[in-house]
Amino acid sequence: MSTQDAELPSAPPIQGPPPHVLIVRAPYYRTVVDGLTEGAVRILREVGATHEVLDVAGAFELPQVLRLAMRGTRRYDGFVALGCVVRGETDHYDFICQATMQGILSVSLQFGMCLGTGLLTCDTVAQAEARSGQDGHNKGAEAAAAALIQINAARTLGAG
């Protein structure tokens, strides 16, 4: 299924009080990640969620800072991880993409995090821009909607 075939992301109804969400972003490709962030914030605002934004150096640091957030004293109902990796001329792309996604998965499973992931892994910047625009097919918006769905699941299961 392509992005254009997908249903447009929308905010699910939230059970209980509006959630507080941490958006962690790797703004190496600033315009792209700013677009992802705008999409995520739009979805969070639709349900009255509050949010904070924290930037990290690059995609590789996303799982590390999610882990730090779990060690901290501040509490969040959910998390959104945003970033972009564009294929270059070396194997670096493959290593970073795989390590980052595995790290994000590992931390989220270890701590039972309500997490939406919007890490773009594209061949070109143009592909990333197409997935971070405000035309509705925004992967940041999809990540925020996924985090909200996870928050609902956690609350339903008595884990949130």
C-alpha atoms as a PDB file:
ATOM      1  CA  MET A   1       0.000   0.000   0.000  1.00  0.00           C
ATOM      2  CA  SER A   2       1.379   3.404  -0.892  1.00  0.00           C
ATOM      3  CA  THR A   3       1.041   6.558   1.169  1.00  0.00           C
ATOM      4  CA  GLN A   4      -1.484   7.934  -1.320  1.00  0.00           C
ATOM      5  CA  ASP A   5      -3.694   4.832  -0.915  1.00  0.00           C
ATOM      6  CA  ALA A   6      -3.703   5.035   2.881  1.00  0.00           C
ATOM      7  CA  GLU A   7      -6.533   6.472   4.880  1.00  0.00           C
ATOM      8  CA  LEU A   8      -5.808   9.991   6.119  1.00  0.00           C
ATOM      9  CA  PRO A   9      -4.667  10.070   9.753  1.00  0.00           C
ATOM     10  CA  SER A  10      -7.135  11.375  12.294  1.00  0.00           C
ATOM     11  CA  ALA A  11      -7.229  11.614  16.050  1.00  0.00           C
ATOM     12  CA  PRO A  12      -9.085   8.783  17.766  1.00  0.00           C
ATOM     13  CA  PRO A  13     -11.483   9.637  20.594  1.00  0.00           C
ATOM     14  CA  ILE A  14      -9.490   9.537  23.853  1.00  0.00           C
ATOM     15  CA  GLN A  15     -10.666   7.670  26.925  1.00  0.00           C
ATOM     16  CA  GLY A  16     -10.096   9.636  30.123  1.00  0.00           C
ATOM     17  CA  PRO A  17      -8.232  12.899  30.529  1.00  0.00           C
ATOM     18  CA  PRO A  18      -6.285  14.497  27.687  1.00  0.00           C
ATOM     19  CA  PRO A  19      -2.851  12.871  27.511  1.00  0.00           C
ATOM     20  CA  HIS A  20       0.558  14.491  27.891  1.00  0.00           C
ATOM     21  CA  VAL A  21       2.937  13.427  25.095  1.00  0.00           C
ATOM     22  CA  LEU A  22       6.653  13.818  24.524  1.00  0.00           C
ATOM     23  CA  ILE A  23       7.655  14.339  20.894  1.00  0.00           C
ATOM     24  CA  VAL A  24      11.290  13.328  20.405  1.00  0.00           C
ATOM     25  CA  ARG A  25      12.729  14.439  17.097  1.00  0.00           C
ATOM     26  CA  ALA A  26      15.948  14.221  15.151  1.00  0.00           C
ATOM     27  CA  PRO A  27      15.889  17.363  12.978  1.00  0.00           C
ATOM     28  CA  TYR A  28      18.875  16.592  10.734  1.00  0.00           C
ATOM     29  CA  TYR A  29      16.578  17.282   7.780  1.00  0.00           C
ATOM     30  CA  ARG A  30      14.942  20.241   9.500  1.00  0.00           C
ATOM     31  CA  THR A  31      12.253  21.077   6.920  1.00  0.00           C
ATOM     32  CA  VAL A  32      11.123  17.462   6.749  1.00  0.00           C
ATOM     33  CA  VAL A  33      11.083  16.964  10.518  1.00  0.00           C
ATOM     34  CA  ASP A  34       9.359  20.307  11.076  1.00  0.00           C
ATOM     35  CA  GLY A  35       6.637  19.081   8.699  1.00  0.00           C
ATOM     36  CA  LEU A  36       6.353  15.795  10.600  1.00  0.00           C
ATOM     37  CA  THR A  37       6.122  17.732  13.857  1.00  0.00           C
ATOM     38  CA  GLU A  38       3.362  19.985  12.515  1.00  0.00           C
ATOM     39  CA  GLY A  39       1.384  16.909  11.518  1.00  0.00           C
ATOM     40  CA  ALA A  40       1.856  15.282  14.927  1.00  0.00           C
ATOM     41  CA  VAL A  41       0.923  18.436  16.833  1.00  0.00           C
ATOM     42  CA  ARG A  42      -2.218  18.870  14.723  1.00  0.00           C
ATOM     43  CA  ILE A  43      -3.429  15.389  15.720  1.00  0.00           C
ATOM     44  CA  LEU A  44      -2.551  15.903  19.397  1.00  0.00           C
ATOM     45  CA  ARG A  45      -4.400  19.226  19.495  1.00  0.00           C
ATOM     46  CA  GLU A  46      -7.526  17.576  18.064  1.00  0.00           C
ATOM     47  CA  VAL A  47      -7.899  15.632  21.332  1.00  0.00           C
ATOM     48  CA  GLY A  48      -6.697  18.406  23.649  1.00  0.00           C
ATOM     49  CA  ALA A  49      -3.419  16.636  24.406  1.00  0.00           C
ATOM     50  CA  THR A  50      -0.537  18.629  25.779  1.00  0.00           C
ATOM     51  CA  HIS A  51       2.942  18.002  24.464  1.00  0.00           C
ATOM     52  CA  GLU A  52       6.598  18.803  24.794  1.00  0.00           C
ATOM     53  CA  VAL A  53       9.221  18.642  22.048  1.00  0.00           C
ATOM     54  CA  LEU A  54      12.798  17.495  22.587  1.00  0.00           C
ATOM     55  CA  ASP A  55      15.409  17.498  19.829  1.00  0.00           C
ATOM     56  CA  VAL A  56      18.297  15.021  19.624  1.00  0.00           C
ATOM     57  CA  ALA A  57      21.403  15.007  17.437  1.00  0.00           C
ATOM     58  CA  GLY A  58      20.257  12.371  14.949  1.00  0.00           C
ATOM     59  CA  ALA A  59      18.062   9.352  14.366  1.00  0.00           C
ATOM     60  CA  PHE A  60      20.490   7.056  16.161  1.00  0.00           C
ATOM     61  CA  GLU A  61      19.871   9.016  19.384  1.00  0.00           C
ATOM     62  CA  LEU A  62      16.083   8.631  19.302  1.00  0.00           C
ATOM     63  CA  PRO A  63      15.945   5.331  21.237  1.00  0.00           C
ATOM     64  CA  GLN A  64      18.584   6.575  23.652  1.00  0.00           C
ATOM     65  CA  VAL A  65      16.575   9.635  24.648  1.00  0.00           C
ATOM     66  CA  LEU A  66      13.371   7.604  24.901  1.00  0.00           C
ATOM     67  CA  ARG A  67      15.210   5.435  27.430  1.00  0.00           C
ATOM     68  CA  LEU A  68      16.380   8.562  29.284  1.00  0.00           C
ATOM     69  CA  ALA A  69      12.785   9.775  29.415  1.00  0.00           C
ATOM     70  CA  MET A  70      11.788   6.543  31.144  1.00  0.00           C
ATOM     71  CA  ARG A  71      14.552   7.042  33.720  1.00  0.00           C
ATOM     72  CA  GLY A  72      13.485  10.630  34.410  1.00  0.00           C
ATOM     73  CA  THR A  73      11.018  11.957  36.928  1.00  0.00           C
ATOM     74  CA  ARG A  74       8.715  13.584  34.379  1.00  0.00           C
ATOM     75  CA  ARG A  75       5.755  11.469  33.336  1.00  0.00           C
ATOM     76  CA  TYR A  76       4.236  11.176  29.897  1.00  0.00           C
ATOM     77  CA  ASP A  77       1.219   9.224  28.729  1.00  0.00           C
ATOM     78  CA  GLY A  78       2.778   8.637  25.337  1.00  0.00           C
ATOM     79  CA  PHE A  79       5.651   9.333  23.007  1.00  0.00           C
ATOM     80  CA  VAL A  80       6.129  10.219  19.347  1.00  0.00           C
ATOM     81  CA  ALA A  81       9.524   9.629  17.708  1.00  0.00           C
ATOM     82  CA  LEU A  82      10.196  11.621  14.532  1.00  0.00           C
ATOM     83  CA  GLY A  83      13.151  11.708  12.190  1.00  0.00           C
ATOM     84  CA  CYS A  84      14.402  11.146   8.683  1.00  0.00           C
ATOM     85  CA  VAL A  85      17.248   9.109   7.209  1.00  0.00           C
ATOM     86  CA  VAL A  86      18.013   9.507   3.505  1.00  0.00           C
ATOM     87  CA  ARG A  87      20.030   6.879   1.650  1.00  0.00           C
ATOM     88  CA  GLY A  88      23.535   7.946   0.771  1.00  0.00           C
ATOM     89  CA  GLU A  89      26.450   6.318  -1.006  1.00  0.00           C
ATOM     90  CA  THR A  90      27.586   4.080   1.873  1.00  0.00           C
ATOM     91  CA  ASP A  91      26.169   1.363   4.125  1.00  0.00           C
ATOM     92  CA  HIS A  92      25.662   3.965   6.870  1.00  0.00           C
ATOM     93  CA  TYR A  93      21.973   4.276   5.903  1.00  0.00           C
ATOM     94  CA  ASP A  94      21.273   0.582   6.459  1.00  0.00           C
ATOM     95  CA  PHE A  95      23.073   0.472   9.807  1.00  0.00           C
ATOM     96  CA  ILE A  96      21.416   3.613  11.164  1.00  0.00           C
ATOM     97  CA  CYS A  97      17.906   2.645  10.024  1.00  0.00           C
ATOM     98  CA  GLN A  98      18.086  -0.856  11.431  1.00  0.00           C
ATOM     99  CA  ALA A  99      19.776   0.117  14.717  1.00  0.00           C
ATOM    100  CA  THR A 100      17.392   3.016  15.296  1.00  0.00           C
ATOM    101  CA  MET A 101      14.223   1.040  14.653  1.00  0.00           C
ATOM    102  CA  GLN A 102      15.455  -1.925  16.691  1.00  0.00           C
ATOM    103  CA  GLY A 103      16.409   0.424  19.524  1.00  0.00           C
ATOM    104  CA  ILE A 104      13.030   2.148  19.471  1.00  0.00           C
ATOM    105  CA  LEU A 105      11.249  -1.214  19.485  1.00  0.00           C
ATOM    106  CA  SER A 106      13.428  -2.544  22.289  1.00  0.00           C
ATOM    107  CA  VAL A 107      12.849   0.444  24.570  1.00  0.00           C
ATOM    108  CA  SER A 108       9.125   0.535  23.862  1.00  0.00           C
ATOM    109  CA  LEU A 109       8.733  -3.164  24.645  1.00  0.00           C
ATOM    110  CA  GLN A 110      10.931  -3.000  27.739  1.00  0.00           C
ATOM    111  CA  PHE A 111       8.883  -0.188  29.254  1.00  0.00           C
ATOM    112  CA  GLY A 112       5.478  -0.779  27.700  1.00  0.00           C
ATOM    113  CA  MET A 113       5.542   2.672  26.147  1.00  0.00           C
ATOM    114  CA  CYS A 114       2.629   4.113  24.217  1.00  0.00           C
ATOM    115  CA  LEU A 115       4.658   5.099  21.176  1.00  0.00           C
ATOM    116  CA  GLY A 116       4.065   6.240  17.642  1.00  0.00           C
ATOM    117  CA  THR A 117       7.061   6.141  15.331  1.00  0.00           C
ATOM    118  CA  GLY A 118       7.502   8.508  12.408  1.00  0.00           C
ATOM    119  CA  LEU A 119      11.026   7.730  11.265  1.00  0.00           C
ATOM    120  CA  LEU A 120      11.185   8.233   7.516  1.00  0.00           C
ATOM    121  CA  THR A 121      13.671   6.002   5.710  1.00  0.00           C
ATOM    122  CA  CYS A 122      13.789   7.279   2.156  1.00  0.00           C
ATOM    123  CA  ASP A 123      15.939   7.089  -0.934  1.00  0.00           C
ATOM    124  CA  THR A 124      15.610  10.829  -1.636  1.00  0.00           C
ATOM    125  CA  VAL A 125      14.786  14.059   0.150  1.00  0.00           C
ATOM    126  CA  ALA A 126      11.880  14.488  -2.287  1.00  0.00           C
ATOM    127  CA  GLN A 127      10.350  11.237  -0.978  1.00  0.00           C
ATOM    128  CA  ALA A 128      10.738  12.507   2.591  1.00  0.00           C
ATOM    129  CA  GLU A 129       9.145  15.831   1.710  1.00  0.00           C
ATOM    130  CA  ALA A 130       6.178  14.014   0.162  1.00  0.00           C
ATOM    131  CA  ARG A 131       5.631  12.183   3.469  1.00  0.00           C
ATOM    132  CA  SER A 132       5.977  15.245   5.690  1.00  0.00           C
ATOM    133  CA  GLY A 133       3.808  17.779   3.860  1.00  0.00           C
ATOM    134  CA  GLN A 134       0.536  19.145   5.086  1.00  0.00           C
ATOM    135  CA  ASP A 135      -1.592  17.513   2.374  1.00  0.00           C
ATOM    136  CA  GLY A 136      -2.961  15.020   4.873  1.00  0.00           C
ATOM    137  CA  HIS A 137      -0.593  12.102   4.142  1.00  0.00           C
ATOM    138  CA  ASN A 138       1.792  13.123   6.887  1.00  0.00           C
ATOM    139  CA  LYS A 139       3.735  10.403   8.698  1.00  0.00           C
ATOM    140  CA  GLY A 140       4.089  12.601  11.798  1.00  0.00           C
ATOM    141  CA  ALA A 141       0.301  12.790  12.015  1.00  0.00           C
ATOM    142  CA  GLU A 142       0.134   9.017  11.599  1.00  0.00           C
ATOM    143  CA  ALA A 143       2.684   8.550  14.393  1.00  0.00           C
ATOM    144  CA  ALA A 144       0.719  10.799  16.753  1.00  0.00           C
ATOM    145  CA  ALA A 145      -2.517   8.944  15.958  1.00  0.00           C
ATOM    146  CA  ALA A 146      -0.740   5.637  16.641  1.00  0.00           C
ATOM    147  CA  ALA A 147       0.504   6.922  20.010  1.00  0.00           C
ATOM    148  CA  LEU A 148      -3.035   7.992  20.941  1.00  0.00           C
ATOM    149  CA  ILE A 149      -4.418   4.587  19.969  1.00  0.00           C
ATOM    150  CA  GLN A 150      -1.763   2.980  22.198  1.00  0.00           C
ATOM    151  CA  ILE A 151      -2.711   5.317  25.067  1.00  0.00           C
ATOM    152  CA  ASN A 152      -6.328   4.190  24.707  1.00  0.00           C
ATOM    153  CA  ALA A 153      -5.217   0.559  24.703  1.00  0.00           C
ATOM    154  CA  ALA A 154      -3.119   1.072  27.839  1.00  0.00           C
ATOM    155  CA  ARG A 155      -6.011   2.788  29.608  1.00  0.00           C
ATOM    156  CA  THR A 156      -8.439   0.041  28.561  1.00  0.00           C
ATOM    157  CA  LEU A 157      -6.066  -2.615  29.882  1.00  0.00           C
ATOM    158  CA  GLY A 158      -5.454  -0.751  33.145  1.00  0.00           C
ATOM    159  CA  ALA A 159      -1.844  -0.095  32.212  1.00  0.00           C
ATOM    160  CA  GLY A 160      -2.060   3.629  31.544  1.00  0.00           C
END
